[in-house]
PDB file of N, CA and C in Angstrom:
ATOM      1  N   MET A   1      61.896 128.584 116.446  1.00  0.00           N
ATOM      2  CA  MET A   1      62.529 129.108 117.630  1.00  0.00           C
ATOM      3  C   MET A   1      62.598 130.633 117.532  1.00  0.00           C
ATOM      4  N   GLU A   2      62.272 131.291 118.610  1.00  0.00           N
ATOM      5  CA  GLU A   2      62.219 132.750 118.639  1.00  0.00           C
ATOM      6  C   GLU A   2      63.623 133.359 118.724  1.00  0.00           C
ATOM      7  N   THR A   3      63.794 134.476 118.044  1.00  0.00           N
ATOM      8  CA  THR A   3      65.062 135.197 118.064  1.00  0.00           C
ATOM      9  C   THR A   3      65.030 136.258 119.156  1.00  0.00           C
ATOM     10  N   TYR A   4      66.078 136.315 119.960  1.00  0.00           N
ATOM     11  CA  TYR A   4      66.184 137.314 121.023  1.00  0.00           C
ATOM     12  C   TYR A   4      67.354 138.237 120.735  1.00  0.00           C
ATOM     13  N   LEU A   5      67.132 139.514 120.996  1.00  0.00           N
ATOM     14  CA  LEU A   5      68.128 140.540 120.727  1.00  0.00           C
ATOM     15  C   LEU A   5      68.616 141.168 122.026  1.00  0.00           C
ATOM     16  N   THR A   6      69.824 141.690 121.996  1.00  0.00           N
ATOM     17  CA  THR A   6      70.354 142.408 123.152  1.00  0.00           C
ATOM     18  C   THR A   6      69.843 143.849 123.114  1.00  0.00           C
ATOM     19  N   ILE A   7      70.015 144.550 124.220  1.00  0.00           N
ATOM     20  CA  ILE A   7      69.632 145.960 124.261  1.00  0.00           C
ATOM     21  C   ILE A   7      70.427 146.744 123.219  1.00  0.00           C
ATOM     22  N   THR A   8      71.694 146.429 123.072  1.00  0.00           N
ATOM     23  CA  THR A   8      72.537 147.120 122.094  1.00  0.00           C
ATOM     24  C   THR A   8      72.021 146.912 120.673  1.00  0.00           C
ATOM     25  N   GLN A   9      71.631 145.694 120.343  1.00  0.00           N
ATOM     26  CA  GLN A   9      71.104 145.408 119.011  1.00  0.00           C
ATOM     27  C   GLN A   9      69.808 146.171 118.761  1.00  0.00           C
ATOM     28  N   VAL A  10      68.931 146.195 119.760  1.00  0.00           N
ATOM     29  CA  VAL A  10      67.662 146.916 119.625  1.00  0.00           C
ATOM     30  C   VAL A  10      67.930 148.410 119.456  1.00  0.00           C
ATOM     31  N   ALA A  11      68.867 148.945 120.214  1.00  0.00           N
ATOM     32  CA  ALA A  11      69.213 150.367 120.103  1.00  0.00           C
ATOM     33  C   ALA A  11      69.697 150.697 118.692  1.00  0.00           C
ATOM     34  N   GLU A  12      70.487 149.815 118.102  1.00  0.00           N
ATOM     35  CA  GLU A  12      70.974 150.034 116.739  1.00  0.00           C
ATOM     36  C   GLU A  12      69.827 149.989 115.738  1.00  0.00           C
ATOM     37  N   ILE A  13      68.906 149.054 115.909  1.00  0.00           N
ATOM     38  CA  ILE A  13      67.760 148.932 115.003  1.00  0.00           C
ATOM     39  C   ILE A  13      66.881 150.174 115.079  1.00  0.00           C
ATOM     40  N   LEU A  14      66.640 150.664 116.304  1.00  0.00           N
ATOM     41  CA  LEU A  14      65.773 151.830 116.502  1.00  0.00           C
ATOM     42  C   LEU A  14      66.512 153.155 116.336  1.00  0.00           C
ATOM     43  N   ASN A  15      67.825 153.078 116.174  1.00  0.00           N
ATOM     44  CA  ASN A  15      68.663 154.268 116.045  1.00  0.00           C
ATOM     45  C   ASN A  15      68.525 155.189 117.263  1.00  0.00           C
ATOM     46  N   VAL A  16      68.597 154.579 118.442  1.00  0.00           N
ATOM     47  CA  VAL A  16      68.550 155.312 119.709  1.00  0.00           C
ATOM     48  C   VAL A  16      69.704 154.843 120.588  1.00  0.00           C
ATOM     49  N   ASN A  17      69.873 155.515 121.705  1.00  0.00           N
ATOM     50  CA  ASN A  17      70.925 155.185 122.653  1.00  0.00           C
ATOM     51  C   ASN A  17      70.565 153.931 123.447  1.00  0.00           C
ATOM     52  N   TYR A  18      71.580 153.219 123.890  1.00  0.00           N
ATOM     53  CA  TYR A  18      71.415 152.038 124.750  1.00  0.00           C
ATOM     54  C   TYR A  18      70.534 152.370 125.956  1.00  0.00           C
ATOM     55  N   ARG A  19      70.786 153.513 126.583  1.00  0.00           N
ATOM     56  CA  ARG A  19      70.033 153.901 127.784  1.00  0.00           C
ATOM     57  C   ARG A  19      68.555 154.132 127.493  1.00  0.00           C
ATOM     58  N   THR A  20      68.241 154.602 126.303  1.00  0.00           N
ATOM     59  CA  THR A  20      66.844 154.808 125.928  1.00  0.00           C
ATOM     60  C   THR A  20      66.100 153.485 125.945  1.00  0.00           C
ATOM     61  N   VAL A  21      66.691 152.456 125.365  1.00  0.00           N
ATOM     62  CA  VAL A  21      66.061 151.128 125.349  1.00  0.00           C
ATOM     63  C   VAL A  21      65.935 150.598 126.767  1.00  0.00           C
ATOM     64  N   ARG A  22      66.986 150.730 127.550  1.00  0.00           N
ATOM     65  CA  ARG A  22      66.953 150.271 128.939  1.00  0.00           C
ATOM     66  C   ARG A  22      65.848 150.979 129.721  1.00  0.00           C
ATOM     67  N   ASP A  23      65.702 152.285 129.514  1.00  0.00           N
ATOM     68  CA  ASP A  23      64.656 153.043 130.201  1.00  0.00           C
ATOM     69  C   ASP A  23      63.263 152.592 129.766  1.00  0.00           C
ATOM     70  N   LEU A  24      63.081 152.308 128.475  1.00  0.00           N
ATOM     71  CA  LEU A  24      61.792 151.816 127.984  1.00  0.00           C
ATOM     72  C   LEU A  24      61.429 150.487 128.641  1.00  0.00           C
ATOM     73  N   ILE A  25      62.410 149.647 128.843  1.00  0.00           N
ATOM     74  CA  ILE A  25      62.178 148.366 129.517  1.00  0.00           C
ATOM     75  C   ILE A  25      61.786 148.603 130.971  1.00  0.00           C
ATOM     76  N   HIS A  26      62.482 149.498 131.638  1.00  0.00           N
ATOM     77  CA  HIS A  26      62.245 149.728 133.067  1.00  0.00           C
ATOM     78  C   HIS A  26      60.895 150.373 133.350  1.00  0.00           C
ATOM     79  N   VAL A  27      60.349 151.144 132.404  1.00  0.00           N
ATOM     80  CA  VAL A  27      59.026 151.751 132.608  1.00  0.00           C
ATOM     81  C   VAL A  27      57.929 150.923 131.928  1.00  0.00           C
ATOM     82  N   ASN A  28      58.269 149.705 131.545  1.00  0.00           N
ATOM     83  CA  ASN A  28      57.329 148.735 130.962  1.00  0.00           C
ATOM     84  C   ASN A  28      56.700 149.189 129.650  1.00  0.00           C
ATOM     85  N   LYS A  29      57.423 149.955 128.855  1.00  0.00           N
ATOM     86  CA  LYS A  29      56.930 150.331 127.534  1.00  0.00           C
ATOM     87  C   LYS A  29      57.444 149.375 126.465  1.00  0.00           C
ATOM     88  N   MET A  30      58.485 148.612 126.807  1.00  0.00           N
ATOM     89  CA  MET A  30      59.025 147.597 125.906  1.00  0.00           C
ATOM     90  C   MET A  30      59.174 146.304 126.701  1.00  0.00           C
ATOM     91  N   ARG A  31      58.638 145.234 126.144  1.00  0.00           N
ATOM     92  CA  ARG A  31      58.704 143.948 126.832  1.00  0.00           C
ATOM     93  C   ARG A  31      60.070 143.312 126.642  1.00  0.00           C
ATOM     94  N   ALA A  32      60.583 142.763 127.731  1.00  0.00           N
ATOM     95  CA  ALA A  32      61.879 142.088 127.690  1.00  0.00           C
ATOM     96  C   ALA A  32      61.901 141.018 128.770  1.00  0.00           C
ATOM     97  N   ILE A  33      62.787 140.063 128.594  1.00  0.00           N
ATOM     98  CA  ILE A  33      62.984 139.066 129.640  1.00  0.00           C
ATOM     99  C   ILE A  33      64.395 139.230 130.179  1.00  0.00           C
ATOM    100  N   LYS A  34      64.543 138.933 131.445  1.00  0.00           N
ATOM    101  CA  LYS A  34      65.850 139.046 132.079  1.00  0.00           C
ATOM    102  C   LYS A  34      66.428 137.648 132.229  1.00  0.00           C
ATOM    103  N   ILE A  35      67.592 137.456 131.666  1.00  0.00           N
ATOM    104  CA  ILE A  35      68.292 136.180 131.752  1.00  0.00           C
ATOM    105  C   ILE A  35      69.576 136.452 132.527  1.00  0.00           C
ATOM    106  N   GLY A  36      69.595 136.002 133.756  1.00  0.00           N
ATOM    107  CA  GLY A  36      70.736 136.321 134.611  1.00  0.00           C
ATOM    108  C   GLY A  36      70.751 137.805 134.898  1.00  0.00           C
ATOM    109  N   ARG A  37      71.803 138.469 134.444  1.00  0.00           N
ATOM    110  CA  ARG A  37      71.933 139.907 134.675  1.00  0.00           C
ATOM    111  C   ARG A  37      71.657 140.742 133.433  1.00  0.00           C
ATOM    112  N   VAL A  38      71.266 140.105 132.334  1.00  0.00           N
ATOM    113  CA  VAL A  38      71.058 140.838 131.085  1.00  0.00           C
ATOM    114  C   VAL A  38      69.625 140.701 130.585  1.00  0.00           C
ATOM    115  N   TYR A  39      69.178 141.709 129.859  1.00  0.00           N
ATOM    116  CA  TYR A  39      67.851 141.697 129.258  1.00  0.00           C
ATOM    117  C   TYR A  39      67.952 141.241 127.815  1.00  0.00           C
ATOM    118  N   ARG A  40      66.910 140.548 127.368  1.00  0.00           N
ATOM    119  CA  ARG A  40      66.779 140.148 125.971  1.00  0.00           C
ATOM    120  C   ARG A  40      65.379 140.537 125.511  1.00  0.00           C
ATOM    121  N   ILE A  41      65.304 141.023 124.278  1.00  0.00           N
ATOM    122  CA  ILE A  41      64.039 141.440 123.693  1.00  0.00           C
ATOM    123  C   ILE A  41      63.773 140.524 122.507  1.00  0.00           C
ATOM    124  N   SER A  42      62.591 139.923 122.476  1.00  0.00           N
ATOM    125  CA  SER A  42      62.288 139.039 121.349  1.00  0.00           C
ATOM    126  C   SER A  42      62.011 139.881 120.111  1.00  0.00           C
ATOM    127  N   ARG A  43      62.316 139.321 118.960  1.00  0.00           N
ATOM    128  CA  ARG A  43      62.082 140.011 117.690  1.00  0.00           C
ATOM    129  C   ARG A  43      60.590 140.332 117.540  1.00  0.00           C
ATOM    130  N   ALA A  44      59.727 139.416 117.982  1.00  0.00           N
ATOM    131  CA  ALA A  44      58.282 139.636 117.887  1.00  0.00           C
ATOM    132  C   ALA A  44      57.853 140.826 118.739  1.00  0.00           C
ATOM    133  N   HIS A  45      58.379 140.927 119.957  1.00  0.00           N
ATOM    134  CA  HIS A  45      58.026 142.051 120.822  1.00  0.00           C
ATOM    135  C   HIS A  45      58.567 143.363 120.266  1.00  0.00           C
ATOM    136  N   LEU A  46      59.737 143.330 119.663  1.00  0.00           N
ATOM    137  CA  LEU A  46      60.283 144.534 119.046  1.00  0.00           C
ATOM    138  C   LEU A  46      59.390 144.977 117.893  1.00  0.00           C
ATOM    139  N   ASN A  47      58.944 144.037 117.073  1.00  0.00           N
ATOM    140  CA  ASN A  47      58.055 144.377 115.962  1.00  0.00           C
ATOM    141  C   ASN A  47      56.743 144.965 116.466  1.00  0.00           C
ATOM    142  N   GLN A  48      56.203 144.419 117.560  1.00  0.00           N
ATOM    143  CA  GLN A  48      54.982 144.971 118.158  1.00  0.00           C
ATOM    144  C   GLN A  48      55.220 146.392 118.644  1.00  0.00           C
ATOM    145  N   PHE A  49      56.352 146.633 119.285  1.00  0.00           N
ATOM    146  CA  PHE A  49      56.688 147.965 119.784  1.00  0.00           C
ATOM    147  C   PHE A  49      56.775 148.961 118.625  1.00  0.00           C
ATOM    148  N   ILE A  50      57.434 148.574 117.554  1.00  0.00           N
ATOM    149  CA  ILE A  50      57.574 149.454 116.389  1.00  0.00           C
ATOM    150  C   ILE A  50      56.204 149.758 115.788  1.00  0.00           C
ATOM    151  N   ALA A  51      55.362 148.737 115.640  1.00  0.00           N
ATOM    152  CA  ALA A  51      54.024 148.937 115.081  1.00  0.00           C
ATOM    153  C   ALA A  51      53.195 149.864 115.969  1.00  0.00           C
ATOM    154  N   LYS A  52      53.293 149.687 117.267  1.00  0.00           N
ATOM    155  CA  LYS A  52      52.551 150.532 118.208  1.00  0.00           C
ATOM    156  C   LYS A  52      53.002 151.983 118.087  1.00  0.00           C
ATOM    157  N   CYS A  53      54.298 152.207 117.961  1.00  0.00           N
ATOM    158  CA  CYS A  53      54.828 153.568 117.818  1.00  0.00           C
ATOM    159  C   CYS A  53      54.364 154.204 116.510  1.00  0.00           C
ATOM    160  N   GLU A  54      54.314 153.421 115.455  1.00  0.00           N
ATOM    161  CA  GLU A  54      53.872 153.944 114.159  1.00  0.00           C
ATOM    162  C   GLU A  54      52.392 154.289 114.176  1.00  0.00           C
ATOM    163  N   ARG A  55      51.583 153.499 114.879  1.00  0.00           N
ATOM    164  CA  ARG A  55      50.146 153.775 114.975  1.00  0.00           C
ATOM    165  C   ARG A  55      49.867 155.044 115.766  1.00  0.00           C
ATOM    166  N   SER A  56      50.701 155.337 116.748  1.00  0.00           N
ATOM    167  CA  SER A  56      50.449 156.489 117.610  1.00  0.00           C
ATOM    168  C   SER A  56      50.845 157.815 116.956  1.00  0.00           C
ATOM    169  N   LYS A  57      51.477 157.758 115.789  1.00  0.00           N
ATOM    170  CA  LYS A  57      51.873 159.001 115.097  1.00  0.00           C
ATOM    171  C   LYS A  57      50.716 159.613 114.363  1.00  0.00           C
TER     172      LYS A  57
END
């Protein structure tokens, strides 16, 4: 079963502000699913995002 994280949890992992993660989701740079009124980011998608950022450096 896949693990899903909140925006707050992702922000803590990436050491960025909550709004930064929310903005990344809104401009389609980070994949997330919307459940009701909240977004959830899968651990797999977060790992892909981190790997992509590391490759672009």
